[in-house]
N, C-alpha and C. Protein backbone atom coordinates (compact mmCIF):
# COMPACT_ATOMS: atom_id res chain seq x y z
N UNK A 1 -1.35 -8.02 20.80
CA UNK A 1 -2.68 -8.35 20.36
C UNK A 1 -3.11 -7.37 19.29
N UNK A 2 -4.05 -7.81 18.46
CA UNK A 2 -4.54 -6.93 17.41
C UNK A 2 -5.96 -7.35 17.04
N UNK A 3 -6.65 -6.44 16.36
CA UNK A 3 -8.00 -6.70 15.90
C UNK A 3 -7.95 -7.15 14.45
N UNK A 4 -8.68 -8.20 14.14
CA UNK A 4 -8.75 -8.70 12.77
C UNK A 4 -10.19 -9.09 12.48
N UNK A 5 -10.72 -8.57 11.40
CA UNK A 5 -12.10 -8.84 11.02
C UNK A 5 -13.01 -8.62 12.23
N UNK A 6 -13.68 -9.68 12.67
CA UNK A 6 -14.60 -9.59 13.79
C UNK A 6 -14.07 -10.35 15.01
N UNK A 7 -12.77 -10.20 15.29
CA UNK A 7 -12.19 -10.92 16.41
C UNK A 7 -10.98 -10.17 16.97
N UNK A 8 -10.65 -10.53 18.20
CA UNK A 8 -9.44 -10.05 18.86
C UNK A 8 -8.44 -11.20 18.79
N UNK A 9 -7.22 -10.90 18.36
CA UNK A 9 -6.20 -11.93 18.21
C UNK A 9 -5.08 -11.63 19.21
N UNK A 10 -4.75 -12.62 20.05
CA UNK A 10 -3.69 -12.49 21.03
C UNK A 10 -2.56 -13.43 20.61
N UNK A 11 -1.34 -12.90 20.53
CA UNK A 11 -0.18 -13.67 20.08
C UNK A 11 0.82 -13.79 21.23
N UNK A 12 1.26 -15.01 21.53
CA UNK A 12 2.32 -15.25 22.49
C UNK A 12 3.62 -15.06 21.73
N UNK A 13 4.37 -13.99 22.03
CA UNK A 13 5.55 -13.65 21.22
C UNK A 13 6.63 -14.73 21.27
N UNK A 14 6.81 -15.39 22.42
CA UNK A 14 7.83 -16.44 22.49
C UNK A 14 7.42 -17.64 21.63
N UNK A 15 6.18 -18.08 21.78
CA UNK A 15 5.70 -19.22 21.00
C UNK A 15 5.71 -18.91 19.50
N UNK A 16 5.32 -17.68 19.16
CA UNK A 16 5.31 -17.28 17.75
C UNK A 16 6.72 -17.29 17.18
N UNK A 17 7.66 -16.69 17.91
CA UNK A 17 9.04 -16.63 17.41
C UNK A 17 9.66 -18.01 17.39
N UNK A 18 9.31 -18.85 18.34
CA UNK A 18 9.80 -20.23 18.37
C UNK A 18 9.38 -20.97 17.11
N UNK A 19 8.13 -20.81 16.70
CA UNK A 19 7.61 -21.45 15.48
C UNK A 19 8.38 -20.94 14.27
N UNK A 20 8.56 -19.61 14.18
CA UNK A 20 9.27 -19.00 13.06
C UNK A 20 10.70 -19.56 12.99
N UNK A 21 11.39 -19.56 14.12
CA UNK A 21 12.78 -20.04 14.15
C UNK A 21 12.88 -21.53 13.85
N UNK A 22 11.91 -22.30 14.33
CA UNK A 22 11.92 -23.73 14.04
C UNK A 22 11.87 -23.97 12.53
N UNK A 23 10.95 -23.32 11.86
CA UNK A 23 10.81 -23.54 10.42
C UNK A 23 12.01 -22.99 9.67
N UNK A 24 12.52 -21.85 10.10
CA UNK A 24 13.71 -21.25 9.49
C UNK A 24 14.92 -22.17 9.70
N UNK A 25 15.04 -22.74 10.89
CA UNK A 25 16.16 -23.63 11.20
C UNK A 25 16.06 -24.93 10.41
N UNK A 26 14.86 -25.48 10.28
CA UNK A 26 14.70 -26.70 9.48
C UNK A 26 15.11 -26.43 8.04
N UNK A 27 14.77 -25.26 7.51
CA UNK A 27 15.18 -24.91 6.15
C UNK A 27 16.70 -24.80 6.06
N UNK A 28 17.33 -24.21 7.07
CA UNK A 28 18.79 -24.08 7.08
C UNK A 28 19.46 -25.45 7.19
N UNK A 29 18.89 -26.32 8.01
CA UNK A 29 19.49 -27.64 8.23
C UNK A 29 19.36 -28.55 7.02
N UNK A 30 18.30 -28.37 6.25
CA UNK A 30 18.07 -29.22 5.08
C UNK A 30 18.52 -28.54 3.80
N UNK A 31 18.96 -27.28 3.89
CA UNK A 31 19.42 -26.54 2.71
C UNK A 31 20.89 -26.19 2.81
N UNK A 32 21.18 -24.93 2.56
CA UNK A 32 22.57 -24.48 2.52
C UNK A 32 23.09 -24.00 3.87
N UNK A 33 22.25 -23.99 4.89
CA UNK A 33 22.69 -23.54 6.21
C UNK A 33 22.39 -22.08 6.43
N UNK A 34 22.59 -21.63 7.66
CA UNK A 34 22.34 -20.24 8.02
C UNK A 34 23.65 -19.52 8.26
N UNK A 35 23.61 -18.23 8.12
CA UNK A 35 24.81 -17.42 8.30
C UNK A 35 25.08 -17.17 9.77
N UNK A 36 26.33 -17.21 10.13
CA UNK A 36 26.75 -16.83 11.47
C UNK A 36 27.37 -15.44 11.44
N UNK A 37 27.37 -14.80 12.56
CA UNK A 37 27.98 -13.48 12.70
C UNK A 37 29.30 -13.65 13.45
N UNK A 38 30.40 -13.26 12.84
CA UNK A 38 31.71 -13.38 13.49
C UNK A 38 31.76 -12.48 14.71
N UNK A 39 32.33 -12.99 15.78
CA UNK A 39 32.47 -12.23 17.01
C UNK A 39 33.81 -11.49 17.00
N UNK A 40 33.79 -10.24 17.39
CA UNK A 40 35.01 -9.47 17.50
C UNK A 40 35.92 -10.08 18.57
N UNK A 41 35.30 -10.46 19.69
CA UNK A 41 36.01 -11.13 20.78
C UNK A 41 35.36 -12.50 20.98
N UNK A 42 36.02 -13.57 20.54
CA UNK A 42 35.44 -14.91 20.70
C UNK A 42 35.11 -15.22 22.17
N UNK A 43 34.12 -16.06 22.37
CA UNK A 43 33.70 -16.48 23.71
C UNK A 43 34.33 -17.82 24.05
N UNK A 44 34.94 -17.91 25.21
CA UNK A 44 35.49 -19.18 25.69
C UNK A 44 34.57 -19.71 26.77
N UNK A 45 34.14 -20.96 26.61
CA UNK A 45 33.18 -21.57 27.53
C UNK A 45 33.73 -22.89 28.05
N UNK A 46 33.51 -23.14 29.33
CA UNK A 46 33.86 -24.43 29.93
C UNK A 46 32.60 -25.27 30.00
N UNK A 47 32.68 -26.50 29.54
CA UNK A 47 31.53 -27.39 29.46
C UNK A 47 31.76 -28.64 30.31
N UNK A 48 30.67 -29.28 30.67
CA UNK A 48 30.76 -30.58 31.34
C UNK A 48 31.15 -31.62 30.29
N UNK A 49 31.60 -32.78 30.72
CA UNK A 49 31.93 -33.84 29.74
C UNK A 49 30.74 -34.20 28.85
N UNK A 50 29.53 -34.22 29.41
CA UNK A 50 28.33 -34.54 28.62
C UNK A 50 28.04 -33.45 27.59
N UNK A 51 28.22 -32.20 28.01
CA UNK A 51 27.99 -31.08 27.09
C UNK A 51 29.02 -31.07 25.97
N UNK A 52 30.27 -31.33 26.31
CA UNK A 52 31.32 -31.40 25.30
C UNK A 52 31.02 -32.51 24.29
N UNK A 53 30.53 -33.62 24.79
CA UNK A 53 30.14 -34.73 23.91
C UNK A 53 28.99 -34.30 22.98
N UNK A 54 28.03 -33.55 23.53
CA UNK A 54 26.90 -33.06 22.72
C UNK A 54 27.39 -32.10 21.64
N UNK A 55 28.34 -31.22 21.97
CA UNK A 55 28.90 -30.29 20.98
C UNK A 55 29.55 -31.08 19.84
N UNK A 56 30.28 -32.13 20.19
CA UNK A 56 30.92 -32.96 19.17
C UNK A 56 29.87 -33.70 18.34
N UNK A 57 28.85 -34.24 18.99
CA UNK A 57 27.81 -35.01 18.29
C UNK A 57 26.97 -34.13 17.37
N UNK A 58 26.75 -32.87 17.76
CA UNK A 58 25.90 -31.97 16.99
C UNK A 58 26.70 -30.89 16.27
N UNK A 59 28.01 -31.09 16.10
CA UNK A 59 28.89 -30.06 15.51
C UNK A 59 28.39 -29.57 14.15
N UNK A 60 28.01 -30.48 13.30
CA UNK A 60 27.56 -30.08 11.96
C UNK A 60 26.28 -29.25 12.03
N UNK A 61 25.34 -29.66 12.88
CA UNK A 61 24.08 -28.92 13.00
C UNK A 61 24.31 -27.55 13.63
N UNK A 62 25.18 -27.49 14.64
CA UNK A 62 25.51 -26.19 15.24
C UNK A 62 26.08 -25.26 14.19
N UNK A 63 26.95 -25.77 13.35
CA UNK A 63 27.55 -24.97 12.28
C UNK A 63 26.50 -24.51 11.28
N UNK A 64 25.56 -25.38 10.95
CA UNK A 64 24.55 -25.04 9.94
C UNK A 64 23.59 -23.95 10.40
N UNK A 65 23.44 -23.75 11.72
CA UNK A 65 22.59 -22.66 12.20
C UNK A 65 23.40 -21.39 12.48
N UNK A 66 24.74 -21.47 12.38
CA UNK A 66 25.54 -20.27 12.51
C UNK A 66 26.55 -20.24 13.64
N UNK A 67 26.59 -21.29 14.47
CA UNK A 67 27.59 -21.34 15.53
C UNK A 67 28.90 -21.89 14.95
N UNK A 68 29.98 -21.13 15.10
CA UNK A 68 31.30 -21.63 14.73
C UNK A 68 32.02 -21.90 16.05
N UNK A 69 32.19 -23.17 16.37
CA UNK A 69 32.74 -23.57 17.66
C UNK A 69 33.91 -24.52 17.43
N UNK A 70 34.96 -24.37 18.25
CA UNK A 70 36.09 -25.27 18.14
C UNK A 70 36.61 -25.61 19.53
N UNK A 71 37.20 -26.80 19.67
CA UNK A 71 37.79 -27.18 20.97
C UNK A 71 38.92 -26.22 21.33
N UNK A 72 39.09 -26.01 22.65
CA UNK A 72 40.13 -25.09 23.11
C UNK A 72 41.03 -25.74 24.15
N UNK A 73 40.89 -27.03 24.29
CA UNK A 73 41.70 -27.76 25.26
C UNK A 73 40.89 -28.10 26.49
N UNK A 74 41.12 -29.29 27.01
CA UNK A 74 40.36 -29.73 28.18
C UNK A 74 38.88 -29.78 27.84
N UNK A 75 38.09 -29.16 28.69
CA UNK A 75 36.63 -29.13 28.48
C UNK A 75 36.17 -27.77 27.95
N UNK A 76 37.07 -26.98 27.41
CA UNK A 76 36.74 -25.65 26.92
C UNK A 76 36.52 -25.66 25.41
N UNK A 77 35.65 -24.78 24.99
CA UNK A 77 35.43 -24.52 23.57
C UNK A 77 35.45 -23.02 23.34
N UNK A 78 35.67 -22.62 22.09
CA UNK A 78 35.66 -21.21 21.72
C UNK A 78 34.60 -21.01 20.65
N UNK A 79 33.75 -20.02 20.87
CA UNK A 79 32.76 -19.63 19.87
C UNK A 79 33.34 -18.47 19.08
N UNK A 80 33.50 -18.66 17.77
CA UNK A 80 34.02 -17.60 16.89
C UNK A 80 32.91 -16.88 16.15
N UNK A 81 31.78 -17.56 15.95
CA UNK A 81 30.64 -16.96 15.25
C UNK A 81 29.37 -17.53 15.86
N UNK A 82 28.31 -16.73 15.78
CA UNK A 82 27.02 -17.12 16.36
C UNK A 82 25.90 -16.70 15.40
N UNK A 83 24.75 -17.37 15.48
CA UNK A 83 23.60 -16.91 14.69
C UNK A 83 23.10 -15.59 15.26
N UNK A 84 22.24 -14.92 14.53
CA UNK A 84 21.69 -13.65 14.99
C UNK A 84 20.20 -13.58 14.64
N UNK A 85 19.37 -14.35 15.36
CA UNK A 85 17.95 -14.42 14.99
C UNK A 85 17.12 -13.20 15.36
N UNK A 86 17.62 -12.34 16.25
CA UNK A 86 16.90 -11.11 16.61
C UNK A 86 17.85 -10.19 17.36
N UNK A 87 17.53 -8.89 17.45
CA UNK A 87 18.45 -7.92 18.06
C UNK A 87 18.78 -8.17 19.54
N UNK A 88 17.93 -8.83 20.28
CA UNK A 88 18.17 -9.05 21.71
C UNK A 88 18.78 -10.42 22.01
N UNK A 89 19.29 -11.07 20.99
CA UNK A 89 19.81 -12.44 21.09
C UNK A 89 21.01 -12.49 22.02
N UNK A 90 20.95 -13.37 23.01
CA UNK A 90 22.06 -13.60 23.93
C UNK A 90 22.73 -14.90 23.50
N UNK A 91 23.78 -14.78 22.68
CA UNK A 91 24.43 -15.94 22.06
C UNK A 91 25.00 -16.90 23.09
N UNK A 92 25.66 -16.37 24.10
CA UNK A 92 26.27 -17.23 25.12
C UNK A 92 25.20 -18.05 25.83
N UNK A 93 24.16 -17.38 26.28
CA UNK A 93 23.08 -18.07 27.01
C UNK A 93 22.41 -19.12 26.12
N UNK A 94 22.12 -18.72 24.88
CA UNK A 94 21.46 -19.66 23.96
C UNK A 94 22.33 -20.88 23.74
N UNK A 95 23.61 -20.68 23.48
CA UNK A 95 24.52 -21.80 23.23
C UNK A 95 24.59 -22.71 24.45
N UNK A 96 24.76 -22.13 25.64
CA UNK A 96 24.85 -22.93 26.86
C UNK A 96 23.58 -23.73 27.11
N UNK A 97 22.41 -23.08 26.96
CA UNK A 97 21.15 -23.78 27.18
C UNK A 97 20.91 -24.85 26.12
N UNK A 98 21.24 -24.53 24.88
CA UNK A 98 21.07 -25.48 23.78
C UNK A 98 21.93 -26.72 24.01
N UNK A 99 23.18 -26.52 24.36
CA UNK A 99 24.09 -27.64 24.59
C UNK A 99 23.64 -28.46 25.80
N UNK A 100 23.19 -27.80 26.86
CA UNK A 100 22.68 -28.51 28.04
C UNK A 100 21.47 -29.36 27.67
N UNK A 101 20.54 -28.78 26.90
CA UNK A 101 19.36 -29.53 26.47
C UNK A 101 19.75 -30.73 25.61
N UNK A 102 20.68 -30.53 24.69
CA UNK A 102 21.11 -31.62 23.82
C UNK A 102 21.81 -32.71 24.63
N UNK A 103 22.63 -32.31 25.61
CA UNK A 103 23.34 -33.29 26.44
C UNK A 103 22.38 -34.10 27.29
N UNK A 104 21.28 -33.50 27.70
CA UNK A 104 20.31 -34.19 28.57
C UNK A 104 19.22 -34.90 27.78
N UNK A 105 19.25 -34.77 26.45
CA UNK A 105 18.28 -35.47 25.62
C UNK A 105 16.89 -34.87 25.67
N UNK A 106 16.77 -33.59 26.02
CA UNK A 106 15.44 -32.96 26.05
C UNK A 106 14.88 -32.91 24.65
N UNK A 107 13.56 -32.87 24.58
CA UNK A 107 12.81 -32.91 23.32
C UNK A 107 13.11 -34.21 22.57
N UNK A 108 13.44 -35.25 23.32
CA UNK A 108 13.77 -36.53 22.71
C UNK A 108 12.59 -37.23 22.07
N UNK A 109 11.37 -36.75 22.30
CA UNK A 109 10.20 -37.39 21.73
C UNK A 109 10.06 -37.18 20.24
N UNK A 110 10.76 -36.18 19.70
CA UNK A 110 10.68 -35.97 18.27
C UNK A 110 11.48 -37.06 17.57
N UNK A 111 10.89 -37.61 16.53
CA UNK A 111 11.49 -38.77 15.87
C UNK A 111 12.79 -38.42 15.14
N UNK A 112 12.86 -37.29 14.57
CA UNK A 112 13.95 -36.93 13.70
C UNK A 112 14.99 -36.08 14.44
N UNK A 113 16.26 -36.41 14.28
CA UNK A 113 17.34 -35.67 14.94
C UNK A 113 17.35 -34.19 14.52
N UNK A 114 17.11 -33.93 13.24
CA UNK A 114 17.06 -32.54 12.76
C UNK A 114 15.91 -31.78 13.40
N UNK A 115 14.75 -32.42 13.49
CA UNK A 115 13.60 -31.77 14.12
C UNK A 115 13.87 -31.48 15.59
N UNK A 116 14.49 -32.43 16.27
CA UNK A 116 14.81 -32.26 17.68
C UNK A 116 15.78 -31.09 17.86
N UNK A 117 16.81 -31.03 17.03
CA UNK A 117 17.77 -29.94 17.11
C UNK A 117 17.10 -28.60 16.80
N UNK A 118 16.31 -28.54 15.73
CA UNK A 118 15.64 -27.30 15.33
C UNK A 118 14.67 -26.83 16.41
N UNK A 119 13.96 -27.76 17.03
CA UNK A 119 13.02 -27.40 18.09
C UNK A 119 13.76 -26.85 19.31
N UNK A 120 14.86 -27.50 19.67
CA UNK A 120 15.64 -27.05 20.83
C UNK A 120 16.24 -25.67 20.56
N UNK A 121 16.82 -25.50 19.38
CA UNK A 121 17.40 -24.20 19.02
C UNK A 121 16.31 -23.12 18.99
N UNK A 122 15.18 -23.43 18.34
CA UNK A 122 14.09 -22.45 18.24
C UNK A 122 13.61 -21.98 19.60
N UNK A 123 13.49 -22.91 20.53
CA UNK A 123 13.05 -22.58 21.88
C UNK A 123 14.07 -21.68 22.58
N UNK A 124 15.34 -22.02 22.47
CA UNK A 124 16.39 -21.30 23.19
C UNK A 124 16.73 -19.96 22.55
N UNK A 125 16.58 -19.83 21.25
CA UNK A 125 16.96 -18.60 20.55
C UNK A 125 15.83 -17.58 20.45
N UNK A 126 14.61 -18.02 20.71
CA UNK A 126 13.45 -17.14 20.51
C UNK A 126 13.40 -15.98 21.50
N UNK A 127 12.74 -14.93 21.09
CA UNK A 127 12.44 -13.81 21.97
C UNK A 127 11.74 -14.36 23.19
N UNK A 128 12.06 -13.86 24.34
CA UNK A 128 11.48 -14.37 25.58
C UNK A 128 10.16 -13.66 25.89
N UNK A 129 9.31 -14.34 26.63
CA UNK A 129 8.06 -13.73 27.10
C UNK A 129 8.44 -12.54 27.97
N UNK A 130 7.74 -11.44 27.79
CA UNK A 130 8.00 -10.25 28.60
C UNK A 130 9.02 -9.30 28.00
N UNK A 131 9.79 -9.73 27.00
CA UNK A 131 10.71 -8.80 26.35
C UNK A 131 9.89 -7.80 25.55
N UNK A 132 10.21 -6.55 25.70
CA UNK A 132 9.46 -5.51 24.99
C UNK A 132 9.87 -5.45 23.53
N UNK A 133 8.86 -5.46 22.67
CA UNK A 133 9.07 -5.29 21.24
C UNK A 133 8.43 -3.98 20.82
N UNK A 134 9.05 -3.29 19.89
CA UNK A 134 8.41 -2.07 19.39
C UNK A 134 7.36 -2.48 18.36
N UNK A 135 6.45 -1.58 18.00
CA UNK A 135 5.35 -1.96 17.10
C UNK A 135 5.81 -2.58 15.77
N UNK A 136 6.89 -2.08 15.19
CA UNK A 136 7.36 -2.65 13.93
C UNK A 136 7.88 -4.07 14.13
N UNK A 137 8.55 -4.33 15.25
CA UNK A 137 9.01 -5.69 15.54
C UNK A 137 7.82 -6.63 15.72
N UNK A 138 6.77 -6.14 16.36
CA UNK A 138 5.56 -6.96 16.53
C UNK A 138 4.95 -7.31 15.18
N UNK A 139 4.80 -6.28 14.33
CA UNK A 139 4.22 -6.52 13.01
C UNK A 139 5.07 -7.51 12.20
N UNK A 140 6.39 -7.34 12.25
CA UNK A 140 7.28 -8.24 11.50
C UNK A 140 7.16 -9.67 12.01
N UNK A 141 7.08 -9.84 13.33
CA UNK A 141 6.94 -11.18 13.89
C UNK A 141 5.62 -11.81 13.46
N UNK A 142 4.55 -11.06 13.49
CA UNK A 142 3.25 -11.59 13.08
C UNK A 142 3.25 -11.96 11.60
N UNK A 143 3.85 -11.11 10.76
CA UNK A 143 3.95 -11.43 9.33
C UNK A 143 4.74 -12.73 9.13
N UNK A 144 5.85 -12.86 9.84
CA UNK A 144 6.68 -14.07 9.71
C UNK A 144 5.93 -15.29 10.23
N UNK A 145 5.18 -15.13 11.33
CA UNK A 145 4.42 -16.25 11.88
C UNK A 145 3.38 -16.74 10.89
N UNK A 146 2.61 -15.82 10.30
CA UNK A 146 1.54 -16.24 9.40
C UNK A 146 2.07 -16.69 8.03
N UNK A 147 3.35 -16.52 7.78
CA UNK A 147 3.98 -17.06 6.58
C UNK A 147 4.48 -18.49 6.82
N UNK A 148 4.44 -18.94 8.07
CA UNK A 148 4.90 -20.29 8.41
C UNK A 148 3.94 -21.34 7.89
N UNK A 149 4.47 -22.54 7.75
CA UNK A 149 3.67 -23.67 7.32
C UNK A 149 2.63 -24.04 8.37
N UNK A 150 3.01 -24.01 9.65
CA UNK A 150 2.12 -24.36 10.75
C UNK A 150 2.12 -23.25 11.80
N UNK A 151 1.52 -22.11 11.55
CA UNK A 151 1.63 -20.98 12.47
C UNK A 151 0.93 -21.08 13.82
N UNK A 152 -0.11 -21.87 14.02
CA UNK A 152 -0.84 -21.73 15.28
C UNK A 152 -0.15 -22.23 16.55
N UNK A 153 0.91 -23.05 16.46
CA UNK A 153 1.50 -23.65 17.66
C UNK A 153 3.02 -23.58 17.66
N UNK A 154 3.60 -23.57 18.87
CA UNK A 154 5.05 -23.64 18.98
C UNK A 154 5.49 -25.10 18.90
N UNK A 155 6.77 -25.36 19.08
CA UNK A 155 7.28 -26.72 18.92
C UNK A 155 6.86 -27.65 20.05
N UNK A 156 6.35 -27.11 21.15
CA UNK A 156 5.89 -27.92 22.27
C UNK A 156 4.39 -28.22 22.18
N UNK A 157 3.74 -27.67 21.15
CA UNK A 157 2.30 -27.87 20.97
C UNK A 157 1.44 -26.80 21.62
N UNK A 158 2.06 -25.82 22.27
CA UNK A 158 1.29 -24.73 22.89
C UNK A 158 0.84 -23.76 21.82
N UNK A 159 -0.33 -23.16 22.01
CA UNK A 159 -0.80 -22.21 21.00
C UNK A 159 0.07 -20.95 20.96
N UNK A 160 0.31 -20.48 19.75
CA UNK A 160 1.01 -19.21 19.56
C UNK A 160 0.00 -18.09 19.36
N UNK A 161 -1.21 -18.47 18.97
CA UNK A 161 -2.26 -17.50 18.66
C UNK A 161 -3.56 -17.95 19.31
N UNK A 162 -4.24 -17.02 19.95
CA UNK A 162 -5.58 -17.28 20.50
C UNK A 162 -6.50 -16.24 19.88
N UNK A 163 -7.61 -16.71 19.32
CA UNK A 163 -8.58 -15.82 18.67
C UNK A 163 -9.86 -15.76 19.51
N UNK A 164 -10.31 -14.55 19.76
CA UNK A 164 -11.56 -14.35 20.49
C UNK A 164 -12.55 -13.64 19.57
N UNK A 165 -13.53 -14.37 19.06
CA UNK A 165 -14.52 -13.75 18.17
C UNK A 165 -15.33 -12.67 18.90
N UNK A 166 -15.77 -11.70 18.15
CA UNK A 166 -16.54 -10.58 18.71
C UNK A 166 -17.74 -11.09 19.51
N UNK A 167 -18.46 -12.04 18.98
CA UNK A 167 -19.66 -12.55 19.68
C UNK A 167 -19.28 -13.15 21.04
N UNK A 168 -18.10 -13.78 21.14
CA UNK A 168 -17.65 -14.33 22.42
C UNK A 168 -17.31 -13.22 23.41
N UNK A 169 -16.65 -12.18 22.93
CA UNK A 169 -16.36 -11.04 23.80
C UNK A 169 -17.65 -10.37 24.26
N UNK A 170 -18.58 -10.17 23.35
CA UNK A 170 -19.87 -9.56 23.71
C UNK A 170 -20.62 -10.43 24.71
N UNK A 171 -20.61 -11.74 24.52
CA UNK A 171 -21.27 -12.65 25.44
C UNK A 171 -20.65 -12.56 26.83
N UNK A 172 -19.32 -12.53 26.90
CA UNK A 172 -18.62 -12.46 28.18
C UNK A 172 -18.87 -11.15 28.91
N UNK A 173 -19.12 -10.08 28.17
CA UNK A 173 -19.41 -8.81 28.79
C UNK A 173 -20.92 -8.58 28.94
N UNK A 174 -21.71 -9.63 28.69
CA UNK A 174 -23.16 -9.56 28.87
C UNK A 174 -23.84 -8.66 27.87
N UNK A 175 -23.35 -8.58 26.66
CA UNK A 175 -23.92 -7.69 25.66
C UNK A 175 -24.56 -8.45 24.50
N UNK A 176 -24.73 -9.74 24.60
CA UNK A 176 -25.30 -10.46 23.46
C UNK A 176 -26.78 -10.64 23.59
C-alpha cells in the first residue's frame, strides 16, 4: 500500500502482476514472442493423456511465452527452456498448472484462444499472494501495473487496486 495525493492506495500484488503478465503475454503472442531461459538440467514431466493433448494443441503458444518443450516418449515431455517473469518463478509448478488448466478448458469464457492462453499463463506465472517483495520490487510492480492498458483489474475481473480517499478514512474514524 502507498499514499497518493489525498488517498490510501492498496494493491493486490497477485492481481497486479497477473494484469502485467497478461498484457506482456498478449504482446509476446501477437509479436515476436518472449524469451525463454535455457535450463542447465532439463525437467522431465509425466502428463495425463488430456494434458499431453493440451501441450500439443498449445505448443506454439507455449513456445512464444518461453517454454521449450518436446515429447520424451509415452506421456512424458522434457522442458529445455522456461520463461522467467520474476525471481521467485516456479517453472515446473507453473507449467503443470497451466497445462492442467488448458486441458480442463478453464477460462473458456474468453472468446479468443490467445486471450484465454495469456490469461491462464498470467494467473499461473504471477507472484502469489503472501510472497514477500522488497520495496524496490513493489515499486517496480506498481510502475509496471500503471503502465498497463487496463491496470485496475486482473484477468478474472477482480480489482488489483483499491483506493480509499482521505475523507472516507476520516469518516470511518469519526473525524469528519
